[in-house]
């Protein structure tokens, strides 16, 4: 019986490797350049992942990791959505 591989993703804030289910995915759309929360893998483009804990999220926003990695500014409404996803 073959063992199924589980790929790990790296958090953009704390740089720890975790399972995809433990992270929030942010994607910069390749056509519009808009940054969105993309947990269902519905849009294509460059993506980054952030841990689902408050400290990691605060550091991610404070250090402006999206501007550095995705070369795009994180919209204010996405910041608010990240905190609501974190609470759920």
N, C-alpha and C. Protein backbone atom coordinates (compact mmCIF):
# COMPACT_ATOMS: atom_id res chain seq x y z
N UNK A 1 0.84 -1.17 0.00
CA UNK A 1 0.00 0.00 0.00
C UNK A 1 0.89 1.25 0.00
N UNK A 2 0.60 2.18 -0.91
CA UNK A 2 1.38 3.40 -0.99
C UNK A 2 0.96 4.38 0.10
N UNK A 3 1.96 5.05 0.65
CA UNK A 3 1.68 6.07 1.65
C UNK A 3 1.45 7.39 0.94
N UNK A 4 0.36 8.07 1.28
CA UNK A 4 0.02 9.33 0.64
C UNK A 4 0.92 10.44 1.17
N UNK A 5 1.47 11.24 0.25
CA UNK A 5 2.33 12.35 0.65
C UNK A 5 1.49 13.55 1.06
N UNK A 6 1.87 14.18 2.13
CA UNK A 6 1.24 15.43 2.56
C UNK A 6 2.28 16.53 2.42
N UNK A 7 1.99 17.46 1.54
CA UNK A 7 2.92 18.55 1.32
C UNK A 7 2.71 19.63 2.38
N UNK A 8 3.78 20.20 2.84
CA UNK A 8 3.73 21.25 3.85
C UNK A 8 3.91 22.61 3.18
N UNK A 9 3.28 23.61 3.75
CA UNK A 9 3.40 24.99 3.27
C UNK A 9 4.11 25.80 4.35
N UNK A 10 4.77 26.88 3.94
CA UNK A 10 5.51 27.71 4.89
C UNK A 10 4.72 28.98 5.18
N UNK A 11 4.60 29.30 6.45
CA UNK A 11 3.94 30.54 6.87
C UNK A 11 4.84 31.72 6.49
N UNK A 12 4.24 32.76 5.91
CA UNK A 12 5.00 33.93 5.47
C UNK A 12 5.46 34.78 6.65
N UNK A 13 4.88 34.59 7.82
CA UNK A 13 5.23 35.39 8.98
C UNK A 13 6.28 34.71 9.86
N UNK A 14 5.97 33.51 10.35
CA UNK A 14 6.87 32.84 11.29
C UNK A 14 7.83 31.86 10.61
N UNK A 15 7.61 31.58 9.34
CA UNK A 15 8.47 30.71 8.52
C UNK A 15 8.45 29.25 8.94
N UNK A 16 7.43 28.83 9.69
CA UNK A 16 7.29 27.43 10.08
C UNK A 16 6.52 26.68 9.00
N UNK A 17 6.86 25.41 8.81
CA UNK A 17 6.16 24.56 7.85
C UNK A 17 5.00 23.87 8.55
N UNK A 18 3.83 23.95 7.93
CA UNK A 18 2.62 23.36 8.50
C UNK A 18 1.77 22.76 7.40
N UNK A 19 0.77 21.98 7.81
CA UNK A 19 -0.18 21.43 6.85
C UNK A 19 -1.05 22.55 6.29
N UNK A 20 -1.52 22.33 5.09
CA UNK A 20 -2.32 23.33 4.40
C UNK A 20 -3.59 23.72 5.17
N UNK A 21 -4.15 22.76 5.90
CA UNK A 21 -5.38 23.01 6.65
C UNK A 21 -5.16 23.96 7.84
N UNK A 22 -3.93 24.09 8.30
CA UNK A 22 -3.62 24.93 9.45
C UNK A 22 -3.28 26.37 9.06
N UNK A 23 -3.37 26.68 7.77
CA UNK A 23 -2.96 27.99 7.27
C UNK A 23 -4.09 28.68 6.50
N UNK A 24 -3.97 29.99 6.38
CA UNK A 24 -4.88 30.80 5.57
C UNK A 24 -4.12 31.16 4.30
N UNK A 25 -4.76 30.96 3.14
CA UNK A 25 -4.10 31.23 1.86
C UNK A 25 -4.55 32.58 1.31
N UNK A 26 -3.58 33.41 0.95
CA UNK A 26 -3.83 34.69 0.29
C UNK A 26 -3.27 34.60 -1.12
N UNK A 27 -4.06 35.01 -2.11
CA UNK A 27 -3.65 34.90 -3.50
C UNK A 27 -3.75 36.25 -4.20
N UNK A 28 -2.72 36.56 -4.97
CA UNK A 28 -2.74 37.74 -5.83
C UNK A 28 -3.18 37.25 -7.20
N UNK A 29 -4.35 37.69 -7.65
CA UNK A 29 -4.89 37.26 -8.93
C UNK A 29 -3.96 37.67 -10.07
N UNK A 30 -3.69 36.75 -10.98
CA UNK A 30 -2.73 37.02 -12.04
C UNK A 30 -3.24 38.01 -13.08
N UNK A 31 -4.56 38.20 -13.19
CA UNK A 31 -5.10 39.14 -14.17
C UNK A 31 -5.29 40.54 -13.59
N UNK A 32 -5.92 40.61 -12.41
CA UNK A 32 -6.27 41.91 -11.83
C UNK A 32 -5.23 42.44 -10.86
N UNK A 33 -4.43 41.56 -10.27
CA UNK A 33 -3.45 41.97 -9.28
C UNK A 33 -4.04 42.19 -7.90
N UNK A 34 -5.29 41.79 -7.73
CA UNK A 34 -6.00 41.96 -6.45
C UNK A 34 -5.68 40.82 -5.49
N UNK A 35 -5.46 41.14 -4.23
CA UNK A 35 -5.16 40.15 -3.21
C UNK A 35 -6.46 39.72 -2.54
N UNK A 36 -6.69 38.40 -2.47
CA UNK A 36 -7.91 37.87 -1.86
C UNK A 36 -7.57 36.69 -0.96
N UNK A 37 -8.50 36.38 -0.04
CA UNK A 37 -8.38 35.17 0.76
C UNK A 37 -8.92 34.04 -0.09
N UNK A 38 -8.15 32.98 -0.22
CA UNK A 38 -8.49 31.92 -1.17
C UNK A 38 -8.29 30.56 -0.52
N UNK A 39 -9.24 30.14 0.28
CA UNK A 39 -9.12 28.84 0.94
C UNK A 39 -9.65 27.69 0.10
N UNK A 40 -10.40 27.99 -0.95
CA UNK A 40 -10.99 26.93 -1.77
C UNK A 40 -10.23 26.69 -3.08
N UNK A 41 -9.06 27.33 -3.24
CA UNK A 41 -8.21 27.15 -4.42
C UNK A 41 -8.93 27.51 -5.72
N UNK A 42 -9.80 28.51 -5.68
CA UNK A 42 -10.60 28.85 -6.85
C UNK A 42 -9.92 29.82 -7.81
N UNK A 43 -8.97 30.61 -7.34
CA UNK A 43 -8.33 31.56 -8.25
C UNK A 43 -6.86 31.21 -8.45
N UNK A 44 -6.34 31.64 -9.59
CA UNK A 44 -4.96 31.35 -9.94
C UNK A 44 -4.10 32.57 -9.73
N UNK A 45 -2.85 32.36 -9.41
CA UNK A 45 -1.91 33.44 -9.20
C UNK A 45 -0.92 33.07 -8.12
N UNK A 46 -0.12 34.01 -7.74
CA UNK A 46 0.90 33.77 -6.71
C UNK A 46 0.23 33.78 -5.34
N UNK A 47 0.58 32.83 -4.50
CA UNK A 47 -0.06 32.69 -3.19
C UNK A 47 0.95 32.66 -2.06
N UNK A 48 0.49 33.09 -0.89
CA UNK A 48 1.26 32.98 0.34
C UNK A 48 0.32 32.45 1.43
N UNK A 49 0.92 31.90 2.46
CA UNK A 49 0.15 31.31 3.55
C UNK A 49 0.51 31.97 4.88
N UNK A 50 -0.50 32.05 5.76
CA UNK A 50 -0.32 32.63 7.10
C UNK A 50 -0.96 31.69 8.11
N UNK A 51 -0.29 31.52 9.26
CA UNK A 51 -0.82 30.68 10.34
C UNK A 51 -2.15 31.22 10.85
N UNK A 52 -2.94 30.31 11.40
CA UNK A 52 -4.21 30.71 11.99
C UNK A 52 -4.05 31.01 13.46
N UNK A 53 -3.09 31.88 13.80
CA UNK A 53 -2.99 32.36 15.18
C UNK A 53 -2.77 33.87 15.17
N UNK A 54 -3.23 34.49 16.23
CA UNK A 54 -3.29 35.95 16.27
C UNK A 54 -1.91 36.61 16.21
N UNK A 55 -0.95 36.07 16.91
CA UNK A 55 0.39 36.66 16.94
C UNK A 55 1.02 36.65 15.55
N UNK A 56 0.89 35.55 14.86
CA UNK A 56 1.45 35.43 13.51
C UNK A 56 0.77 36.42 12.57
N UNK A 57 -0.54 36.54 12.68
CA UNK A 57 -1.30 37.45 11.82
C UNK A 57 -0.92 38.90 12.06
N UNK A 58 -0.75 39.28 13.33
CA UNK A 58 -0.34 40.65 13.66
C UNK A 58 1.03 40.97 13.07
N UNK A 59 1.98 40.05 13.21
CA UNK A 59 3.31 40.26 12.65
C UNK A 59 3.28 40.32 11.13
N UNK A 60 2.43 39.51 10.52
CA UNK A 60 2.28 39.48 9.08
C UNK A 60 1.82 40.85 8.55
N UNK A 61 0.83 41.43 9.22
CA UNK A 61 0.30 42.73 8.79
C UNK A 61 1.28 43.84 9.13
N UNK A 62 1.88 43.78 10.31
CA UNK A 62 2.82 44.82 10.75
C UNK A 62 4.05 44.90 9.84
N UNK A 63 4.59 43.75 9.45
CA UNK A 63 5.79 43.72 8.62
C UNK A 63 5.50 43.88 7.13
N UNK A 64 4.20 43.99 6.78
CA UNK A 64 3.78 44.18 5.38
C UNK A 64 4.37 43.11 4.46
N UNK A 65 4.16 41.87 4.85
CA UNK A 65 4.73 40.74 4.10
C UNK A 65 4.15 40.63 2.69
N UNK A 66 2.88 41.04 2.49
CA UNK A 66 2.29 40.95 1.14
C UNK A 66 2.99 41.89 0.18
N UNK A 67 3.38 43.07 0.66
CA UNK A 67 4.08 44.02 -0.21
C UNK A 67 5.44 43.47 -0.62
N UNK A 68 6.09 42.78 0.30
CA UNK A 68 7.42 42.23 0.02
C UNK A 68 7.34 40.99 -0.87
N UNK A 69 6.45 40.07 -0.55
CA UNK A 69 6.40 38.79 -1.26
C UNK A 69 5.58 38.87 -2.54
N UNK A 70 4.37 39.42 -2.46
CA UNK A 70 3.48 39.46 -3.62
C UNK A 70 3.60 40.73 -4.45
N UNK A 71 4.34 41.70 -3.95
CA UNK A 71 4.47 42.99 -4.62
C UNK A 71 3.09 43.65 -4.80
N UNK A 72 2.26 43.52 -3.76
CA UNK A 72 0.92 44.10 -3.78
C UNK A 72 0.54 44.52 -2.37
N UNK A 73 -0.22 45.60 -2.27
CA UNK A 73 -0.65 46.09 -0.97
C UNK A 73 -1.86 45.29 -0.49
N UNK A 74 -1.88 44.99 0.81
CA UNK A 74 -2.99 44.26 1.41
C UNK A 74 -4.14 45.22 1.69
N UNK A 75 -5.30 45.03 1.04
CA UNK A 75 -6.44 45.92 1.28
C UNK A 75 -6.95 45.84 2.72
N UNK A 76 -7.51 46.92 3.21
CA UNK A 76 -8.01 46.99 4.58
C UNK A 76 -9.12 45.98 4.82
N UNK A 77 -10.00 45.80 3.83
CA UNK A 77 -11.10 44.84 4.01
C UNK A 77 -10.59 43.40 4.14
N UNK A 78 -9.47 43.09 3.53
CA UNK A 78 -8.88 41.75 3.66
C UNK A 78 -8.31 41.57 5.07
N UNK A 79 -7.71 42.63 5.62
CA UNK A 79 -7.21 42.56 7.00
C UNK A 79 -8.34 42.20 7.96
N UNK A 80 -9.49 42.85 7.78
CA UNK A 80 -10.65 42.58 8.63
C UNK A 80 -11.14 41.15 8.43
N UNK A 81 -11.16 40.68 7.18
CA UNK A 81 -11.59 39.31 6.89
C UNK A 81 -10.65 38.28 7.52
N UNK A 82 -9.35 38.59 7.53
CA UNK A 82 -8.38 37.68 8.15
C UNK A 82 -8.69 37.48 9.63
N UNK A 83 -9.03 38.55 10.31
CA UNK A 83 -9.35 38.44 11.74
C UNK A 83 -10.66 37.68 11.96
N UNK A 84 -11.64 37.82 11.04
CA UNK A 84 -12.89 37.05 11.19
C UNK A 84 -12.63 35.57 10.91
N UNK A 85 -11.77 35.26 9.95
CA UNK A 85 -11.41 33.86 9.69
C UNK A 85 -10.70 33.27 10.88
N UNK A 86 -9.86 34.06 11.51
CA UNK A 86 -9.12 33.63 12.69
C UNK A 86 -10.05 33.28 13.85
N UNK A 87 -11.11 34.05 14.02
CA UNK A 87 -12.05 33.83 15.12
C UNK A 87 -12.93 32.60 14.90
N UNK A 88 -13.12 32.19 13.65
CA UNK A 88 -13.97 31.02 13.33
C UNK A 88 -13.24 29.73 13.44
